[in-house]
Amino acid sequence: MKVKNLLPALAMTALLFSGAGLANAEEDREITTEDVIKAQEAWGDAIVAIGEAYTSHGDYKALAEETVDDLYGYDEGIVLFKPTKASEEPFRLSEDEAVSYFVTGIVPEDHGFAIQPWSHVRFDNAGIIIDEDSALAMGHYYFTDANTGEETEAEYTLGYFKDEDGNLRIDLHHSSFPFHPAS
């Protein structure tokens, strides 16, 4: 009786040591282009949601904290974040500094990028590079002003990795306005 109960466990152990189980685990960690596009959509939706919470007098700061916690990799390691509208303190290497950029807070120059508010964010990828467990995306993103309907263009480079739960996280975020030389 006891031997029969051990057979499934022994079969699983043999599977893991044969490499098949490890291959499946590695496949789950691979990033796809679809993963990157979904992560971009989630980021854009979160920026819009923070602005909506702000205008409806909701808890937009808690939503921003949740967004940064869910979409960025500050809990897993270093995140390199250079926001679009940051000059005095151009780099946001802590989670609190990132939240401050989106909704104001600890960095004096922050005016709350996400509480603009925006009604839509769309990405136009110039390219995506995937290296199994990491990805880079570069291109333009466009923010539609919720009050005027005007669109603002910015340029981005985003780096991604999968955390141990298989969630795509941002570990590099560089954003800037397009360069326009003086005439």
N, C-alpha and C. Protein backbone atom coordinates (compact mmCIF):
# COMPACT_ATOMS: atom_id res chain seq x y z
N MET A 1 0.82 -1.19 0.00
CA MET A 1 0.00 0.00 0.00
C MET A 1 0.86 1.25 0.00
N LYS A 2 1.83 1.29 0.86
CA LYS A 2 2.67 2.47 0.94
C LYS A 2 3.48 2.66 -0.33
N VAL A 3 3.87 1.58 -0.99
CA VAL A 3 4.64 1.69 -2.22
C VAL A 3 3.79 2.34 -3.30
N LYS A 4 2.50 1.96 -3.40
CA LYS A 4 1.62 2.56 -4.40
C LYS A 4 1.50 4.07 -4.18
N ASN A 5 1.43 4.51 -2.94
CA ASN A 5 1.31 5.93 -2.65
C ASN A 5 2.59 6.69 -3.03
N LEU A 6 3.71 6.01 -3.00
CA LEU A 6 4.98 6.66 -3.35
C LEU A 6 5.19 6.77 -4.86
N LEU A 7 4.52 5.95 -5.65
CA LEU A 7 4.77 5.94 -7.09
C LEU A 7 4.53 7.30 -7.75
N PRO A 8 3.43 8.01 -7.48
CA PRO A 8 3.27 9.32 -8.12
C PRO A 8 4.39 10.29 -7.74
N ALA A 9 4.81 10.25 -6.49
CA ALA A 9 5.88 11.14 -6.06
C ALA A 9 7.20 10.78 -6.74
N LEU A 10 7.48 9.49 -6.87
CA LEU A 10 8.70 9.06 -7.55
C LEU A 10 8.66 9.42 -9.03
N ALA A 11 7.50 9.30 -9.65
CA ALA A 11 7.36 9.65 -11.06
C ALA A 11 7.62 11.16 -11.25
N MET A 12 7.10 11.98 -10.34
CA MET A 12 7.31 13.42 -10.44
C MET A 12 8.79 13.76 -10.23
N THR A 13 9.41 13.08 -9.26
CA THR A 13 10.84 13.30 -9.02
C THR A 13 11.65 12.93 -10.26
N ALA A 14 11.32 11.81 -10.89
CA ALA A 14 12.03 11.40 -12.10
C ALA A 14 11.82 12.42 -13.21
N LEU A 15 10.62 12.95 -13.33
CA LEU A 15 10.33 13.95 -14.35
C LEU A 15 11.16 15.21 -14.12
N LEU A 16 11.24 15.66 -12.88
CA LEU A 16 12.01 16.85 -12.58
C LEU A 16 13.50 16.65 -12.87
N PHE A 17 14.02 15.49 -12.47
CA PHE A 17 15.43 15.25 -12.68
C PHE A 17 15.75 14.93 -14.13
N SER A 18 14.77 14.55 -14.92
CA SER A 18 15.02 14.29 -16.33
C SER A 18 15.22 15.58 -17.11
N GLY A 19 14.85 16.70 -16.51
CA GLY A 19 15.01 17.98 -17.19
C GLY A 19 13.71 18.48 -17.78
N ALA A 20 12.73 17.62 -17.98
CA ALA A 20 11.46 18.05 -18.59
C ALA A 20 10.75 19.05 -17.69
N GLY A 21 10.76 18.80 -16.41
CA GLY A 21 10.12 19.74 -15.48
C GLY A 21 10.84 21.07 -15.45
N LEU A 22 12.17 21.04 -15.53
CA LEU A 22 12.94 22.27 -15.55
C LEU A 22 12.71 23.05 -16.83
N ALA A 23 12.56 22.35 -17.94
CA ALA A 23 12.31 23.03 -19.21
C ALA A 23 10.98 23.77 -19.16
N ASN A 24 9.95 23.13 -18.59
CA ASN A 24 8.65 23.79 -18.47
C ASN A 24 8.74 25.01 -17.58
N ALA A 25 9.51 24.92 -16.50
CA ALA A 25 9.68 26.07 -15.61
C ALA A 25 10.37 27.21 -16.34
N GLU A 26 11.38 26.89 -17.17
CA GLU A 26 12.08 27.91 -17.93
C GLU A 26 11.17 28.54 -18.97
N GLU A 27 10.31 27.72 -19.63
CA GLU A 27 9.38 28.25 -20.62
C GLU A 27 8.43 29.25 -19.98
N ASP A 28 7.99 28.99 -18.75
CA ASP A 28 7.08 29.89 -18.06
C ASP A 28 7.74 31.23 -17.76
N ARG A 29 9.06 31.27 -17.69
CA ARG A 29 9.78 32.50 -17.39
C ARG A 29 10.11 33.29 -18.65
N GLU A 30 9.97 32.68 -19.83
CA GLU A 30 10.28 33.38 -21.07
C GLU A 30 9.24 34.48 -21.31
N ILE A 31 9.70 35.59 -21.82
CA ILE A 31 8.84 36.72 -22.12
C ILE A 31 8.50 36.71 -23.60
N THR A 32 7.26 37.04 -23.91
CA THR A 32 6.82 37.12 -25.30
C THR A 32 6.49 38.57 -25.65
N THR A 33 6.39 38.84 -26.95
CA THR A 33 5.98 40.17 -27.41
C THR A 33 4.60 40.49 -26.86
N GLU A 34 3.72 39.51 -26.84
CA GLU A 34 2.37 39.70 -26.29
C GLU A 34 2.42 40.10 -24.82
N ASP A 35 3.35 39.52 -24.04
CA ASP A 35 3.51 39.89 -22.63
C ASP A 35 3.86 41.37 -22.51
N VAL A 36 4.77 41.84 -23.36
CA VAL A 36 5.20 43.23 -23.32
C VAL A 36 4.03 44.16 -23.67
N ILE A 37 3.29 43.82 -24.70
CA ILE A 37 2.16 44.65 -25.11
C ILE A 37 1.10 44.70 -24.01
N LYS A 38 0.82 43.57 -23.39
CA LYS A 38 -0.14 43.55 -22.27
C LYS A 38 0.36 44.40 -21.10
N ALA A 39 1.65 44.35 -20.83
CA ALA A 39 2.22 45.16 -19.73
C ALA A 39 2.09 46.65 -20.06
N GLN A 40 2.31 47.01 -21.31
CA GLN A 40 2.16 48.40 -21.72
C GLN A 40 0.71 48.86 -21.56
N GLU A 41 -0.22 48.02 -21.98
CA GLU A 41 -1.64 48.36 -21.84
C GLU A 41 -2.01 48.52 -20.36
N ALA A 42 -1.51 47.63 -19.52
CA ALA A 42 -1.79 47.72 -18.08
C ALA A 42 -1.23 49.01 -17.50
N TRP A 43 -0.04 49.41 -17.93
CA TRP A 43 0.56 50.65 -17.45
C TRP A 43 -0.28 51.84 -17.88
N GLY A 44 -0.66 51.89 -19.15
CA GLY A 44 -1.48 52.99 -19.65
C GLY A 44 -2.82 53.06 -18.95
N ASP A 45 -3.46 51.91 -18.76
CA ASP A 45 -4.75 51.87 -18.06
C ASP A 45 -4.61 52.37 -16.63
N ALA A 46 -3.50 52.03 -15.99
CA ALA A 46 -3.26 52.47 -14.60
C ALA A 46 -3.08 53.98 -14.53
N ILE A 47 -2.36 54.56 -15.49
CA ILE A 47 -2.18 56.02 -15.51
C ILE A 47 -3.53 56.71 -15.64
N VAL A 48 -4.38 56.21 -16.52
CA VAL A 48 -5.73 56.77 -16.70
C VAL A 48 -6.54 56.60 -15.42
N ALA A 49 -6.48 55.43 -14.81
CA ALA A 49 -7.26 55.15 -13.59
C ALA A 49 -6.84 56.05 -12.43
N ILE A 50 -5.56 56.33 -12.32
CA ILE A 50 -5.09 57.23 -11.24
C ILE A 50 -5.68 58.62 -11.45
N GLY A 51 -5.66 59.11 -12.68
CA GLY A 51 -6.25 60.41 -12.98
C GLY A 51 -7.75 60.44 -12.72
N GLU A 52 -8.44 59.36 -13.06
CA GLU A 52 -9.88 59.28 -12.80
C GLU A 52 -10.15 59.29 -11.30
N ALA A 53 -9.35 58.57 -10.54
CA ALA A 53 -9.51 58.56 -9.08
C ALA A 53 -9.28 59.95 -8.51
N TYR A 54 -8.31 60.65 -9.05
CA TYR A 54 -8.01 62.01 -8.59
C TYR A 54 -9.20 62.94 -8.86
N THR A 55 -9.73 62.92 -10.07
CA THR A 55 -10.82 63.84 -10.42
C THR A 55 -12.12 63.50 -9.71
N SER A 56 -12.30 62.25 -9.33
CA SER A 56 -13.52 61.85 -8.61
C SER A 56 -13.32 61.84 -7.10
N HIS A 57 -12.20 62.41 -6.65
CA HIS A 57 -11.86 62.52 -5.22
C HIS A 57 -11.72 61.16 -4.55
N GLY A 58 -11.23 60.18 -5.32
CA GLY A 58 -10.95 58.86 -4.77
C GLY A 58 -9.54 58.83 -4.19
N ASP A 59 -9.16 57.66 -3.73
CA ASP A 59 -7.84 57.51 -3.11
C ASP A 59 -6.79 57.25 -4.20
N TYR A 60 -6.49 58.30 -4.95
CA TYR A 60 -5.57 58.19 -6.07
C TYR A 60 -4.14 57.88 -5.63
N LYS A 61 -3.76 58.33 -4.44
CA LYS A 61 -2.40 58.05 -3.96
C LYS A 61 -2.23 56.55 -3.66
N ALA A 62 -3.24 55.94 -3.05
CA ALA A 62 -3.18 54.50 -2.78
C ALA A 62 -3.15 53.73 -4.10
N LEU A 63 -3.91 54.19 -5.09
CA LEU A 63 -3.91 53.55 -6.39
C LEU A 63 -2.54 53.67 -7.06
N ALA A 64 -1.90 54.83 -6.93
CA ALA A 64 -0.56 55.01 -7.49
C ALA A 64 0.45 54.10 -6.79
N GLU A 65 0.35 53.98 -5.48
CA GLU A 65 1.25 53.08 -4.74
C GLU A 65 1.06 51.64 -5.20
N GLU A 66 -0.18 51.24 -5.37
CA GLU A 66 -0.49 49.88 -5.83
C GLU A 66 0.04 49.67 -7.25
N THR A 67 -0.12 50.67 -8.10
CA THR A 67 0.35 50.58 -9.49
C THR A 67 1.86 50.40 -9.53
N VAL A 68 2.58 51.23 -8.82
CA VAL A 68 4.04 51.13 -8.81
C VAL A 68 4.46 49.79 -8.22
N ASP A 69 3.78 49.37 -7.16
CA ASP A 69 4.11 48.09 -6.52
C ASP A 69 3.85 46.91 -7.46
N ASP A 70 2.75 46.98 -8.24
CA ASP A 70 2.38 45.88 -9.12
C ASP A 70 3.15 45.85 -10.43
N LEU A 71 3.49 47.01 -10.98
CA LEU A 71 4.05 47.06 -12.33
C LEU A 71 5.56 47.25 -12.38
N TYR A 72 6.14 47.77 -11.32
CA TYR A 72 7.59 48.01 -11.29
C TYR A 72 8.25 46.97 -10.38
N GLY A 73 9.54 46.80 -10.53
CA GLY A 73 10.27 45.78 -9.79
C GLY A 73 11.04 46.28 -8.59
N TYR A 74 10.58 47.35 -7.95
CA TYR A 74 11.32 47.90 -6.81
C TYR A 74 11.48 46.88 -5.68
N ASP A 75 10.50 46.01 -5.48
CA ASP A 75 10.59 45.02 -4.41
C ASP A 75 11.58 43.89 -4.74
N GLU A 76 11.91 43.74 -6.03
CA GLU A 76 12.78 42.66 -6.45
C GLU A 76 14.23 43.09 -6.66
N GLY A 77 14.47 44.40 -6.77
CA GLY A 77 15.84 44.85 -7.02
C GLY A 77 15.86 46.29 -7.51
N ILE A 78 16.87 46.62 -8.27
CA ILE A 78 17.06 47.98 -8.75
C ILE A 78 16.11 48.27 -9.91
N VAL A 79 15.50 49.45 -9.86
CA VAL A 79 14.72 49.97 -10.98
C VAL A 79 15.33 51.30 -11.38
N LEU A 80 15.63 51.44 -12.65
CA LEU A 80 16.17 52.67 -13.19
C LEU A 80 15.01 53.42 -13.85
N PHE A 81 14.58 54.53 -13.23
CA PHE A 81 13.42 55.28 -13.70
C PHE A 81 13.82 56.73 -13.92
N LYS A 82 13.71 57.19 -15.17
CA LYS A 82 13.94 58.58 -15.54
C LYS A 82 12.63 59.09 -16.12
N PRO A 83 11.82 59.79 -15.30
CA PRO A 83 10.53 60.29 -15.77
C PRO A 83 10.66 61.41 -16.80
N THR A 84 9.58 61.62 -17.55
CA THR A 84 9.53 62.63 -18.59
C THR A 84 9.74 64.04 -18.03
N LYS A 85 8.97 64.38 -17.02
CA LYS A 85 8.97 65.74 -16.48
C LYS A 85 9.77 65.81 -15.18
N ALA A 86 11.02 65.45 -15.25
CA ALA A 86 11.89 65.50 -14.08
C ALA A 86 13.23 66.09 -14.50
N SER A 87 13.67 67.13 -13.80
CA SER A 87 14.95 67.73 -14.16
C SER A 87 15.83 67.96 -12.93
N GLU A 88 15.24 68.48 -11.85
CA GLU A 88 16.03 68.75 -10.65
C GLU A 88 16.49 67.45 -10.01
N GLU A 89 15.61 66.48 -9.97
CA GLU A 89 15.93 65.13 -9.51
C GLU A 89 15.51 64.18 -10.63
N PRO A 90 16.38 63.99 -11.63
CA PRO A 90 15.96 63.29 -12.84
C PRO A 90 15.77 61.78 -12.69
N PHE A 91 16.32 61.17 -11.66
CA PHE A 91 16.24 59.72 -11.53
C PHE A 91 15.47 59.35 -10.27
N ARG A 92 14.57 58.38 -10.40
CA ARG A 92 13.73 57.93 -9.29
C ARG A 92 14.06 56.47 -8.99
N LEU A 93 15.00 56.28 -8.08
CA LEU A 93 15.51 54.94 -7.80
C LEU A 93 14.80 54.24 -6.66
N SER A 94 13.84 54.93 -6.02
CA SER A 94 13.07 54.27 -4.96
C SER A 94 11.58 54.27 -5.33
N GLU A 95 10.87 53.36 -4.74
CA GLU A 95 9.42 53.24 -4.98
C GLU A 95 8.69 54.52 -4.56
N ASP A 96 9.08 55.10 -3.43
CA ASP A 96 8.44 56.34 -2.97
C ASP A 96 8.66 57.49 -3.95
N GLU A 97 9.84 57.56 -4.54
CA GLU A 97 10.13 58.61 -5.52
C GLU A 97 9.30 58.41 -6.80
N ALA A 98 9.10 57.16 -7.19
CA ALA A 98 8.27 56.88 -8.37
C ALA A 98 6.82 57.28 -8.12
N VAL A 99 6.31 56.92 -6.96
CA VAL A 99 4.93 57.31 -6.61
C VAL A 99 4.81 58.83 -6.59
N SER A 100 5.81 59.50 -6.04
CA SER A 100 5.82 60.95 -5.98
C SER A 100 5.70 61.55 -7.38
N TYR A 101 6.40 60.99 -8.33
CA TYR A 101 6.33 61.50 -9.70
C TYR A 101 4.90 61.42 -10.24
N PHE A 102 4.24 60.32 -9.98
CA PHE A 102 2.91 60.12 -10.54
C PHE A 102 1.82 60.93 -9.84
N VAL A 103 1.97 61.17 -8.52
CA VAL A 103 0.87 61.84 -7.78
C VAL A 103 1.33 62.93 -6.81
N THR A 104 2.54 63.38 -6.90
CA THR A 104 3.19 64.32 -5.98
C THR A 104 3.57 63.60 -4.69
N GLY A 105 4.44 64.24 -3.93
CA GLY A 105 4.86 63.60 -2.68
C GLY A 105 6.19 64.11 -2.21
N ILE A 106 7.18 63.23 -2.17
CA ILE A 106 8.44 63.55 -1.50
C ILE A 106 9.44 64.33 -2.35
N VAL A 107 9.24 64.40 -3.66
CA VAL A 107 10.16 65.16 -4.52
C VAL A 107 9.50 66.50 -4.85
N PRO A 108 10.10 67.61 -4.42
CA PRO A 108 9.47 68.93 -4.55
C PRO A 108 9.05 69.32 -5.97
N GLU A 109 9.78 68.92 -6.99
CA GLU A 109 9.43 69.33 -8.35
C GLU A 109 8.23 68.57 -8.94
N ASP A 110 7.76 67.54 -8.28
CA ASP A 110 6.69 66.72 -8.83
C ASP A 110 5.33 67.41 -8.76
N HIS A 111 4.65 67.37 -9.90
CA HIS A 111 3.31 67.96 -9.99
C HIS A 111 2.24 66.91 -10.25
N GLY A 112 2.62 65.66 -10.26
CA GLY A 112 1.65 64.58 -10.42
C GLY A 112 1.33 64.28 -11.87
N PHE A 113 2.25 63.61 -12.56
CA PHE A 113 2.05 63.29 -13.97
C PHE A 113 0.74 62.55 -14.22
N ALA A 114 0.40 61.60 -13.39
CA ALA A 114 -0.80 60.78 -13.62
C ALA A 114 -2.09 61.50 -13.26
N ILE A 115 -1.99 62.56 -12.47
CA ILE A 115 -3.21 63.28 -12.09
C ILE A 115 -3.47 64.46 -13.02
N GLN A 116 -2.86 64.47 -14.18
CA GLN A 116 -3.02 65.52 -15.20
C GLN A 116 -4.49 65.92 -15.37
N PRO A 117 -5.45 65.16 -15.60
CA PRO A 117 -5.52 63.71 -15.86
C PRO A 117 -5.49 63.41 -17.36
N TRP A 118 -5.25 62.10 -17.65
CA TRP A 118 -5.23 61.61 -19.03
C TRP A 118 -6.44 60.70 -19.24
N SER A 119 -7.00 60.72 -20.44
CA SER A 119 -8.15 59.86 -20.73
C SER A 119 -7.74 58.61 -21.51
N HIS A 120 -6.55 58.63 -22.09
CA HIS A 120 -6.10 57.47 -22.87
C HIS A 120 -4.57 57.53 -23.02
N VAL A 121 -3.96 56.36 -23.02
CA VAL A 121 -2.53 56.23 -23.29
C VAL A 121 -2.38 55.14 -24.34
N ARG A 122 -1.63 55.45 -25.39
CA ARG A 122 -1.36 54.42 -26.41
C ARG A 122 0.12 54.36 -26.70
N PHE A 123 0.58 53.15 -26.97
CA PHE A 123 1.99 52.89 -27.25
C PHE A 123 2.18 52.62 -28.74
N ASP A 124 3.27 53.11 -29.29
CA ASP A 124 3.68 52.82 -30.65
C ASP A 124 5.13 52.35 -30.57
N ASN A 125 5.30 51.04 -30.53
CA ASN A 125 6.63 50.46 -30.36
C ASN A 125 7.45 50.59 -31.63
N ALA A 126 8.64 51.18 -31.51
CA ALA A 126 9.59 51.19 -32.62
C ALA A 126 10.22 49.81 -32.73
N GLY A 127 10.35 49.14 -31.59
CA GLY A 127 10.90 47.80 -31.58
C GLY A 127 10.87 47.20 -30.18
N ILE A 128 10.89 45.89 -30.16
CA ILE A 128 10.93 45.13 -28.91
C ILE A 128 12.03 44.08 -29.06
N ILE A 129 12.91 44.02 -28.08
CA ILE A 129 13.96 43.01 -28.05
C ILE A 129 13.68 42.08 -26.88
N ILE A 130 13.65 40.80 -27.15
CA ILE A 130 13.39 39.82 -26.09
C ILE A 130 14.58 38.90 -25.97
N ASP A 131 15.05 38.73 -24.74
CA ASP A 131 16.18 37.86 -24.46
C ASP A 131 15.75 36.86 -23.39
N GLU A 132 14.82 36.00 -23.73
CA GLU A 132 14.25 34.96 -22.87
C GLU A 132 13.66 35.48 -21.57
N ASP A 133 14.50 35.94 -20.63
CA ASP A 133 13.98 36.34 -19.32
C ASP A 133 13.99 37.85 -19.12
N SER A 134 14.24 38.61 -20.19
CA SER A 134 14.17 40.06 -20.11
C SER A 134 13.74 40.60 -21.47
N ALA A 135 13.24 41.83 -21.45
CA ALA A 135 12.80 42.45 -22.70
C ALA A 135 13.02 43.94 -22.62
N LEU A 136 13.23 44.54 -23.79
CA LEU A 136 13.33 45.99 -23.93
C LEU A 136 12.35 46.43 -25.00
N ALA A 137 11.69 47.55 -24.75
CA ALA A 137 10.80 48.13 -25.75
C ALA A 137 11.12 49.61 -25.85
N MET A 138 11.08 50.13 -27.09
CA MET A 138 11.36 51.54 -27.31
C MET A 138 10.36 52.06 -28.33
N GLY A 139 9.96 53.31 -28.13
CA GLY A 139 9.06 53.91 -29.10
C GLY A 139 8.48 55.21 -28.59
N HIS A 140 7.30 55.52 -29.11
CA HIS A 140 6.55 56.71 -28.67
C HIS A 140 5.33 56.25 -27.89
N TYR A 141 4.97 57.02 -26.88
CA TYR A 141 3.65 56.84 -26.30
C TYR A 141 2.95 58.17 -26.30
N TYR A 142 1.62 58.08 -26.38
CA TYR A 142 0.79 59.26 -26.56
C TYR A 142 -0.23 59.32 -25.44
N PHE A 143 -0.33 60.49 -24.83
CA PHE A 143 -1.22 60.71 -23.69
C PHE A 143 -2.30 61.70 -24.12
N THR A 144 -3.56 61.29 -24.01
CA THR A 144 -4.66 62.17 -24.38
C THR A 144 -5.14 62.90 -23.14
N ASP A 145 -5.08 64.24 -23.18
CA ASP A 145 -5.52 65.08 -22.07
C ASP A 145 -7.03 64.91 -21.88
N ALA A 146 -7.45 64.55 -20.67
CA ALA A 146 -8.87 64.30 -20.39
C ALA A 146 -9.70 65.57 -20.48
N ASN A 147 -9.09 66.73 -20.31
CA ASN A 147 -9.83 67.99 -20.33
C ASN A 147 -9.93 68.60 -21.72
N THR A 148 -8.88 68.48 -22.52
CA THR A 148 -8.85 69.15 -23.82
C THR A 148 -8.94 68.20 -25.00
N GLY A 149 -8.63 66.92 -24.79
CA GLY A 149 -8.60 65.95 -25.88
C GLY A 149 -7.31 66.02 -26.69
N GLU A 150 -6.42 66.94 -26.35
CA GLU A 150 -5.14 67.06 -27.06
C GLU A 150 -4.22 65.92 -26.66
N GLU A 151 -3.41 65.51 -27.62
CA GLU A 151 -2.49 64.40 -27.40
C GLU A 151 -1.07 64.92 -27.20
N THR A 152 -0.39 64.38 -26.19
CA THR A 152 1.00 64.70 -25.93
C THR A 152 1.85 63.49 -26.26
N GLU A 153 2.91 63.72 -27.02
CA GLU A 153 3.81 62.65 -27.44
C GLU A 153 5.05 62.65 -26.56
N ALA A 154 5.47 61.48 -26.14
CA ALA A 154 6.73 61.32 -25.43
C ALA A 154 7.43 60.08 -25.99
N GLU A 155 8.72 59.98 -25.71
CA GLU A 155 9.49 58.82 -26.15
C GLU A 155 9.85 57.99 -24.92
N TYR A 156 9.92 56.69 -25.11
CA TYR A 156 10.20 55.82 -23.96
C TYR A 156 11.15 54.70 -24.34
N THR A 157 11.82 54.21 -23.32
CA THR A 157 12.51 52.93 -23.35
C THR A 157 12.10 52.24 -22.06
N LEU A 158 11.59 51.03 -22.18
CA LEU A 158 11.15 50.26 -21.02
C LEU A 158 11.86 48.91 -21.00
N GLY A 159 12.35 48.53 -19.83
CA GLY A 159 12.95 47.22 -19.64
C GLY A 159 12.05 46.39 -18.74
N TYR A 160 11.94 45.12 -19.04
CA TYR A 160 11.05 44.23 -18.30
C TYR A 160 11.77 42.95 -17.88
N PHE A 161 11.29 42.36 -16.80
CA PHE A 161 11.70 41.03 -16.39
C PHE A 161 10.49 40.36 -15.77
N LYS A 162 10.53 39.04 -15.66
CA LYS A 162 9.45 38.31 -14.99
C LYS A 162 9.89 38.02 -13.56
N ASP A 163 9.00 38.32 -12.62
CA ASP A 163 9.30 38.00 -11.24
C ASP A 163 9.08 36.51 -10.99
N GLU A 164 9.31 36.06 -9.78
CA GLU A 164 9.22 34.62 -9.50
C GLU A 164 7.80 34.08 -9.62
N ASP A 165 6.79 34.98 -9.62
CA ASP A 165 5.40 34.55 -9.82
C ASP A 165 4.98 34.61 -11.29
N GLY A 166 5.91 34.99 -12.17
CA GLY A 166 5.61 35.06 -13.59
C GLY A 166 5.00 36.38 -14.05
N ASN A 167 5.00 37.39 -13.17
CA ASN A 167 4.45 38.70 -13.54
C ASN A 167 5.53 39.55 -14.18
N LEU A 168 5.19 40.22 -15.28
CA LEU A 168 6.13 41.11 -15.93
C LEU A 168 6.27 42.38 -15.12
N ARG A 169 7.49 42.79 -14.85
CA ARG A 169 7.78 43.98 -14.05
C ARG A 169 8.74 44.88 -14.82
N ILE A 170 8.60 46.17 -14.59
CA ILE A 170 9.48 47.16 -15.20
C ILE A 170 10.71 47.34 -14.31
N ASP A 171 11.90 47.25 -14.92
CA ASP A 171 13.12 47.55 -14.17
C ASP A 171 13.93 48.67 -14.84
N LEU A 172 13.45 49.15 -15.99
CA LEU A 172 14.04 50.30 -16.66
C LEU A 172 12.92 51.10 -17.29
N HIS A 173 12.86 52.39 -16.98
CA HIS A 173 11.83 53.26 -17.56
C HIS A 173 12.48 54.62 -17.80
N HIS A 174 12.75 54.90 -19.06
CA HIS A 174 13.29 56.20 -19.45
C HIS A 174 12.28 56.85 -20.37
N SER A 175 11.92 58.09 -20.05
CA SER A 175 10.91 58.80 -20.82
C SER A 175 11.37 60.23 -21.05
N SER A 176 11.12 60.74 -22.25
CA SER A 176 11.52 62.12 -22.55
C SER A 176 10.61 62.66 -23.66
N PHE A 177 10.60 63.99 -23.77
CA PHE A 177 9.89 64.61 -24.87
C PHE A 177 10.79 64.59 -26.10
N PRO A 178 10.21 64.51 -27.30
CA PRO A 178 11.02 64.55 -28.51
C PRO A 178 11.84 65.84 -28.58
N PHE A 179 13.04 65.72 -29.11
CA PHE A 179 13.93 66.85 -29.26
C PHE A 179 13.48 67.69 -30.45
N HIS A 180 13.41 68.99 -30.25
CA HIS A 180 13.08 69.93 -31.33
C HIS A 180 14.19 70.99 -31.37
N PRO A 181 15.10 70.91 -32.34
CA PRO A 181 16.19 71.87 -32.38
C PRO A 181 15.69 73.30 -32.62
N ALA A 182 16.41 74.25 -32.06
CA ALA A 182 16.05 75.66 -32.26
C ALA A 182 16.28 76.03 -33.72
N SER A 183 15.40 76.81 -34.26
CA SER A 183 15.51 77.21 -35.67
C SER A 183 16.52 78.31 -35.87
